[in-house]
């Protein structure tokens, strides 16, 4: 009888140890767990349109004013494929000339101001020929709160950046070199565009920052904070993605290989519309076909 009790205790201890090991690897090293045993990650390919908007008068004054749709400063199509373990992101410059449903061809970022996220989704779907499952619209305060909760994001600032735009409540003042950016500094970094490369340079910085943010999320101390980061920023988010799906996406991003692309093209000046980015449609369609 005693021997049977000891065997039961040993089996219970082994079961607990296995559970601890499984929990540890699922949270901190999920790539070591077979796909069918993983929990809390995506199960099928998913397309997400990520929008970062600029300031509106209401967001600058922080007053309870009627909602005003802002222009989309950041437009990113994210394709997450758990089958192959990859995330591809495509940055679409905000000045890209596009056919906005119901309007004349104009800069693609205007679609958000005209009709909010739903019109942005339709515009990007028409442009890419790709179905979008979810959208996430991030207002400036969302990014600031997330980065601050994670304790900052380490990144190399490639040059001194100085620019003031009082209408946008923007005061950019960053120095060259390795830095741990606070939420406000991160916002400055991804908004800066006043150099030789203009919006294309900003797109490259946004991709660089996204990579650094993903690395920060992989830290054990930040993994537990990820769901809290989403909850804290909900007031500054507009999305049709359920919370559990957002957590799955974040969890998958920690193990996926991430590759960034930029919609190639060239700058031009057109009557009425002004300075725009004309896509190289041959290269653009090839990128979509092969990676999205």
Protein backbone atom coordinates (compact mmCIF):
# COMPACT_ATOMS: atom_id res chain seq x y z
CA UNK A 1 0.00 0.00 0.00
CA UNK A 2 2.79 2.38 0.98
CA UNK A 3 4.60 1.66 -2.29
CA UNK A 4 1.43 2.48 -4.24
CA UNK A 5 1.05 5.79 -2.36
CA UNK A 6 4.67 6.68 -3.13
CA UNK A 7 4.11 5.92 -6.81
CA UNK A 8 1.02 8.13 -6.85
CA UNK A 9 2.97 10.96 -5.21
CA UNK A 10 5.81 10.53 -7.70
CA UNK A 11 3.34 10.58 -10.60
CA UNK A 12 1.72 13.75 -9.20
CA UNK A 13 5.09 15.48 -8.80
CA UNK A 14 6.09 14.49 -12.35
CA UNK A 15 2.76 15.79 -13.66
CA UNK A 16 3.26 19.11 -11.88
CA UNK A 17 6.82 19.42 -13.21
CA UNK A 18 5.65 18.69 -16.74
CA UNK A 19 2.90 21.30 -16.38
CA UNK A 20 5.45 23.88 -15.16
CA UNK A 21 7.80 23.05 -18.04
CA UNK A 22 4.94 23.28 -20.55
CA UNK A 23 3.78 26.62 -19.11
CA UNK A 24 7.32 27.99 -19.20
CA UNK A 25 7.96 27.01 -22.81
CA UNK A 26 4.51 28.10 -23.97
CA UNK A 27 5.04 31.56 -22.50
CA UNK A 28 8.77 32.12 -22.93
CA UNK A 29 9.87 29.79 -25.75
CA UNK A 30 6.76 28.71 -27.70
CA UNK A 31 8.74 27.84 -30.82
CA UNK A 32 9.98 24.71 -28.98
CA UNK A 33 6.42 23.41 -28.61
CA UNK A 34 4.72 21.58 -31.53
CA UNK A 35 1.99 23.65 -33.19
CA UNK A 36 -0.84 21.36 -32.06
CA UNK A 37 0.20 21.77 -28.40
CA UNK A 38 0.52 25.56 -28.40
CA UNK A 39 -2.14 27.72 -26.79
CA UNK A 40 -2.86 31.41 -27.17
CA UNK A 41 -1.57 31.81 -30.74
CA UNK A 42 -3.13 32.29 -34.15
CA UNK A 43 -4.51 29.21 -35.86
CA UNK A 44 -4.97 30.50 -39.42
CA UNK A 45 -3.52 33.22 -41.71
CA UNK A 46 -4.80 36.65 -40.73
CA UNK A 47 -4.63 40.08 -42.38
CA UNK A 48 -4.69 43.20 -40.22
CA UNK A 49 -4.73 46.83 -41.31
CA UNK A 50 -2.86 48.95 -38.78
CA UNK A 51 -3.48 52.69 -38.86
CA UNK A 52 -1.67 55.37 -36.91
CA UNK A 53 -3.53 58.67 -36.97
CA UNK A 54 -2.30 62.20 -36.47
CA UNK A 55 -3.72 64.67 -33.98
CA UNK A 56 -7.20 66.17 -34.19
CA UNK A 57 -8.24 69.29 -32.31
CA UNK A 58 -10.06 67.12 -29.80
CA UNK A 59 -6.99 64.98 -29.09
CA UNK A 60 -4.76 68.02 -28.68
CA UNK A 61 -7.11 69.84 -26.27
CA UNK A 62 -8.26 66.55 -24.65
CA UNK A 63 -11.80 67.92 -24.56
CA UNK A 64 -14.99 65.87 -24.87
CA UNK A 65 -15.76 66.94 -28.44
CA UNK A 66 -17.60 64.96 -31.13
CA UNK A 67 -15.38 62.35 -32.78
CA UNK A 68 -13.47 63.73 -35.75
CA UNK A 69 -11.66 61.31 -38.02
CA UNK A 70 -7.99 62.14 -38.37
CA UNK A 71 -5.79 61.47 -41.36
CA UNK A 72 -3.84 58.21 -41.33
CA UNK A 73 -0.18 59.02 -40.75
CA UNK A 74 0.77 55.33 -40.72
CA UNK A 75 -0.76 52.68 -42.98
CA UNK A 76 0.51 49.12 -42.55
CA UNK A 77 -0.90 45.88 -43.91
CA UNK A 78 0.13 42.96 -41.67
CA UNK A 79 -0.12 39.35 -42.85
CA UNK A 80 0.38 36.79 -40.08
CA UNK A 81 0.72 33.18 -41.22
CA UNK A 82 1.05 30.65 -38.37
CA UNK A 83 1.35 27.81 -40.90
CA UNK A 84 4.79 28.97 -42.04
CA UNK A 85 5.62 30.97 -38.88
CA UNK A 86 5.95 34.34 -40.63
CA UNK A 87 4.64 37.87 -40.31
CA UNK A 88 4.97 40.15 -43.35
CA UNK A 89 4.25 43.84 -43.02
CA UNK A 90 3.72 46.23 -45.92
CA UNK A 91 4.05 49.96 -45.32
CA UNK A 92 2.00 52.10 -47.67
CA UNK A 93 3.24 55.73 -47.75
CA UNK A 94 0.52 58.08 -46.59
CA UNK A 95 0.77 60.21 -49.76
CA UNK A 96 0.15 57.23 -52.06
CA UNK A 97 -2.24 58.14 -54.85
CA UNK A 98 -5.22 55.81 -54.56
CA UNK A 99 -8.83 55.45 -55.67
CA UNK A 100 -10.92 56.17 -52.58
CA UNK A 101 -14.45 54.74 -53.02
CA UNK A 102 -16.92 57.60 -53.54
CA UNK A 103 -14.20 60.20 -54.13
CA UNK A 104 -11.75 61.28 -56.80
CA UNK A 105 -8.28 59.65 -56.68
CA UNK A 106 -6.38 61.34 -53.88
CA UNK A 107 -3.79 60.71 -51.16
CA UNK A 108 -4.67 57.44 -49.46
CA UNK A 109 -4.42 58.91 -45.95
CA UNK A 110 -7.43 61.12 -46.70
CA UNK A 111 -9.69 58.05 -46.78
CA UNK A 112 -9.62 57.91 -42.99
CA UNK A 113 -10.66 61.55 -42.70
CA UNK A 114 -13.47 61.02 -45.24
CA UNK A 115 -14.95 57.83 -43.86
CA UNK A 116 -12.97 56.50 -40.92
CA UNK A 117 -11.49 53.02 -40.62
CA UNK A 118 -14.21 51.34 -42.71
CA UNK A 119 -13.37 53.47 -45.74
CA UNK A 120 -9.65 52.93 -45.16
CA UNK A 121 -10.24 49.17 -45.16
CA UNK A 122 -12.19 49.33 -48.44
CA UNK A 123 -9.54 51.55 -50.03
CA UNK A 124 -6.64 49.27 -49.07
CA UNK A 125 -8.58 46.15 -50.06
CA UNK A 126 -9.25 47.67 -53.50
CA UNK A 127 -5.63 48.75 -53.87
CA UNK A 128 -4.09 45.43 -52.83
CA UNK A 129 -6.79 42.96 -53.88
CA UNK A 130 -6.41 41.43 -50.41
CA UNK A 131 -9.16 40.75 -47.88
CA UNK A 132 -8.62 42.45 -44.50
CA UNK A 133 -9.85 40.54 -41.46
CA UNK A 134 -9.33 43.20 -38.80
CA UNK A 135 -8.26 46.81 -38.46
CA UNK A 136 -6.55 48.58 -35.58
CA UNK A 137 -6.53 52.38 -35.47
CA UNK A 138 -4.00 53.72 -32.99
CA UNK A 139 -4.21 57.29 -31.84
CA UNK A 140 -0.96 58.85 -30.54
CA UNK A 141 -1.72 58.25 -26.86
CA UNK A 142 -2.08 54.48 -27.43
CA UNK A 143 1.52 54.13 -28.55
CA UNK A 144 2.74 56.35 -25.72
CA UNK A 145 0.91 54.27 -23.08
CA UNK A 146 2.09 50.93 -24.48
CA UNK A 147 5.75 51.96 -24.67
CA UNK A 148 5.69 53.45 -21.17
CA UNK A 149 4.12 50.29 -19.74
CA UNK A 150 6.87 48.20 -21.34
CA UNK A 151 9.49 50.42 -19.72
CA UNK A 152 10.63 52.03 -22.97
CA UNK A 153 11.99 50.66 -26.24
CA UNK A 154 15.70 50.52 -27.03
CA UNK A 155 16.58 51.78 -30.50
CA UNK A 156 19.40 53.52 -32.36
CA UNK A 157 18.39 57.05 -33.37
CA UNK A 158 20.26 57.52 -36.62
CA UNK A 159 20.62 61.32 -36.41
CA UNK A 160 19.62 64.39 -34.45
CA UNK A 161 15.93 65.16 -35.00
CA UNK A 162 14.45 68.58 -34.29
CA UNK A 163 11.07 69.81 -35.45
CA UNK A 164 8.18 71.77 -33.92
CA UNK A 165 4.57 71.75 -35.17
CA UNK A 166 2.33 73.52 -32.68
CA UNK A 167 -0.82 72.75 -34.70
CA UNK A 168 -0.12 69.04 -34.24
CA UNK A 169 1.09 69.48 -30.65
CA UNK A 170 4.41 68.06 -31.85
CA UNK A 171 7.80 68.98 -30.40
CA UNK A 172 10.44 66.55 -31.68
CA UNK A 173 13.84 66.74 -30.03
CA UNK A 174 15.93 63.56 -30.26
CA UNK A 175 19.69 63.07 -30.29
CA UNK A 176 21.69 60.59 -32.35
CA UNK A 177 22.76 57.33 -30.70
CA UNK A 178 21.44 54.33 -28.78
CA UNK A 179 18.57 55.29 -26.51
CA UNK A 180 15.74 53.77 -24.56
CA UNK A 181 12.84 55.81 -25.87
CA UNK A 182 9.96 56.70 -23.60
CA UNK A 183 6.44 56.65 -24.99
CA UNK A 184 6.56 60.33 -25.91
CA UNK A 185 10.00 59.98 -27.50
CA UNK A 186 8.86 56.94 -29.48
CA UNK A 187 5.96 59.00 -30.81
CA UNK A 188 8.42 61.70 -31.85
CA UNK A 189 10.67 59.17 -33.57
CA UNK A 190 7.99 57.60 -35.77
CA UNK A 191 6.43 60.98 -36.66
CA UNK A 192 9.61 62.72 -37.82
CA UNK A 193 9.67 63.27 -41.60
CA UNK A 194 11.45 66.57 -42.11
CA UNK A 195 14.59 65.50 -43.90
CA UNK A 196 15.74 64.63 -47.42
CA UNK A 197 13.77 61.37 -47.53
CA UNK A 198 10.47 62.81 -46.26
CA UNK A 199 7.70 60.27 -45.75
CA UNK A 200 9.75 57.35 -47.10
CA UNK A 201 12.34 57.97 -44.38
CA UNK A 202 9.56 58.00 -41.81
CA UNK A 203 8.22 54.68 -43.14
CA UNK A 204 11.68 53.14 -42.65
CA UNK A 205 11.81 54.48 -39.09
CA UNK A 206 8.36 53.09 -38.35
CA UNK A 207 9.45 49.65 -39.54
CA UNK A 208 12.62 49.89 -37.48
CA UNK A 209 10.60 50.88 -34.42
CA UNK A 210 8.10 48.03 -34.96
CA UNK A 211 11.00 45.57 -34.98
CA UNK A 212 12.41 47.06 -31.77
CA UNK A 213 8.98 46.98 -30.11
CA UNK A 214 8.59 43.30 -31.03
CA UNK A 215 11.97 42.53 -29.46
CA UNK A 216 10.86 44.34 -26.32
CA UNK A 217 7.69 42.22 -26.17
CA UNK A 218 9.83 39.07 -26.19
CA UNK A 219 11.42 39.94 -22.86
CA UNK A 220 10.06 37.70 -20.06
CA UNK A 221 9.28 40.74 -17.90
CA UNK A 222 7.13 42.23 -20.66
CA UNK A 223 5.28 39.10 -21.81
CA UNK A 224 2.92 39.24 -18.83
CA UNK A 225 2.38 42.97 -19.45
CA UNK A 226 1.25 42.57 -23.06
CA UNK A 227 -2.48 42.00 -22.35
CA UNK A 228 -2.41 44.85 -19.80
CA UNK A 229 -0.83 47.12 -22.43
CA UNK A 230 -3.79 46.49 -24.70
CA UNK A 231 -6.33 47.07 -21.95
CA UNK A 232 -4.70 50.34 -20.84
CA UNK A 233 -4.67 51.67 -24.39
CA UNK A 234 -8.26 50.69 -25.28
CA UNK A 235 -9.44 54.27 -24.85
CA UNK A 236 -7.03 55.29 -27.59
CA UNK A 237 -7.81 52.34 -29.88
CA UNK A 238 -10.49 51.78 -32.46
CA UNK A 239 -10.59 48.17 -33.61
CA UNK A 240 -12.89 45.34 -34.61
CA UNK A 241 -10.41 42.74 -33.32
CA UNK A 242 -11.55 40.84 -30.21
CA UNK A 243 -9.21 41.10 -27.23
CA UNK A 244 -8.43 37.38 -27.23
CA UNK A 245 -7.46 37.57 -30.92
CA UNK A 246 -5.20 40.56 -30.23
CA UNK A 247 -3.44 38.59 -27.49
CA UNK A 248 -3.00 35.66 -29.89
CA UNK A 249 -1.46 37.97 -32.49
CA UNK A 250 0.96 39.50 -29.99
CA UNK A 251 1.92 36.06 -28.72
CA UNK A 252 2.51 34.81 -32.27
CA UNK A 253 4.65 37.86 -33.09
CA UNK A 254 7.14 36.75 -30.43
CA UNK A 255 7.97 33.56 -32.33
CA UNK A 256 7.40 34.56 -35.96
CA UNK A 257 9.97 35.68 -38.49
CA UNK A 258 9.04 39.28 -39.35
CA UNK A 259 9.82 40.79 -42.75
CA UNK A 260 9.03 44.39 -43.71
CA UNK A 261 8.27 45.74 -47.17
CA UNK A 262 7.55 49.23 -48.49
CA UNK A 263 5.25 49.97 -51.42
CA UNK A 264 7.75 51.11 -54.05
CA UNK A 265 7.13 54.02 -56.37
CA UNK A 266 8.22 57.59 -57.04
CA UNK A 267 7.25 61.07 -55.92
CA UNK A 268 5.27 63.37 -58.20
CA UNK A 269 3.33 66.62 -58.10
CA UNK A 270 -0.20 66.65 -59.47
CA UNK A 271 -2.68 69.52 -59.90
CA UNK A 272 -5.13 69.87 -57.01
CA UNK A 273 -3.78 66.82 -55.16
CA UNK A 274 -0.23 68.16 -54.77
CA UNK A 275 2.74 66.01 -53.77
CA UNK A 276 1.91 62.31 -54.08
CA UNK A 277 3.56 58.87 -54.18
CA UNK A 278 2.89 57.04 -57.45
CA UNK A 279 3.11 53.29 -56.95
CA UNK A 280 5.13 51.04 -59.21
CA UNK A 281 2.12 48.78 -59.78
CA UNK A 282 4.11 45.94 -61.34
CA UNK A 283 6.41 45.65 -58.32
CA UNK A 284 3.53 46.34 -55.92
CA UNK A 285 1.33 43.55 -57.29
CA UNK A 286 4.28 41.14 -57.23
CA UNK A 287 4.92 41.92 -53.55
CA UNK A 288 1.26 41.35 -52.71
CA UNK A 289 1.10 38.13 -54.70
CA UNK A 290 4.22 36.62 -53.15
CA UNK A 291 3.96 37.78 -49.53
CA UNK A 292 0.36 38.74 -48.73
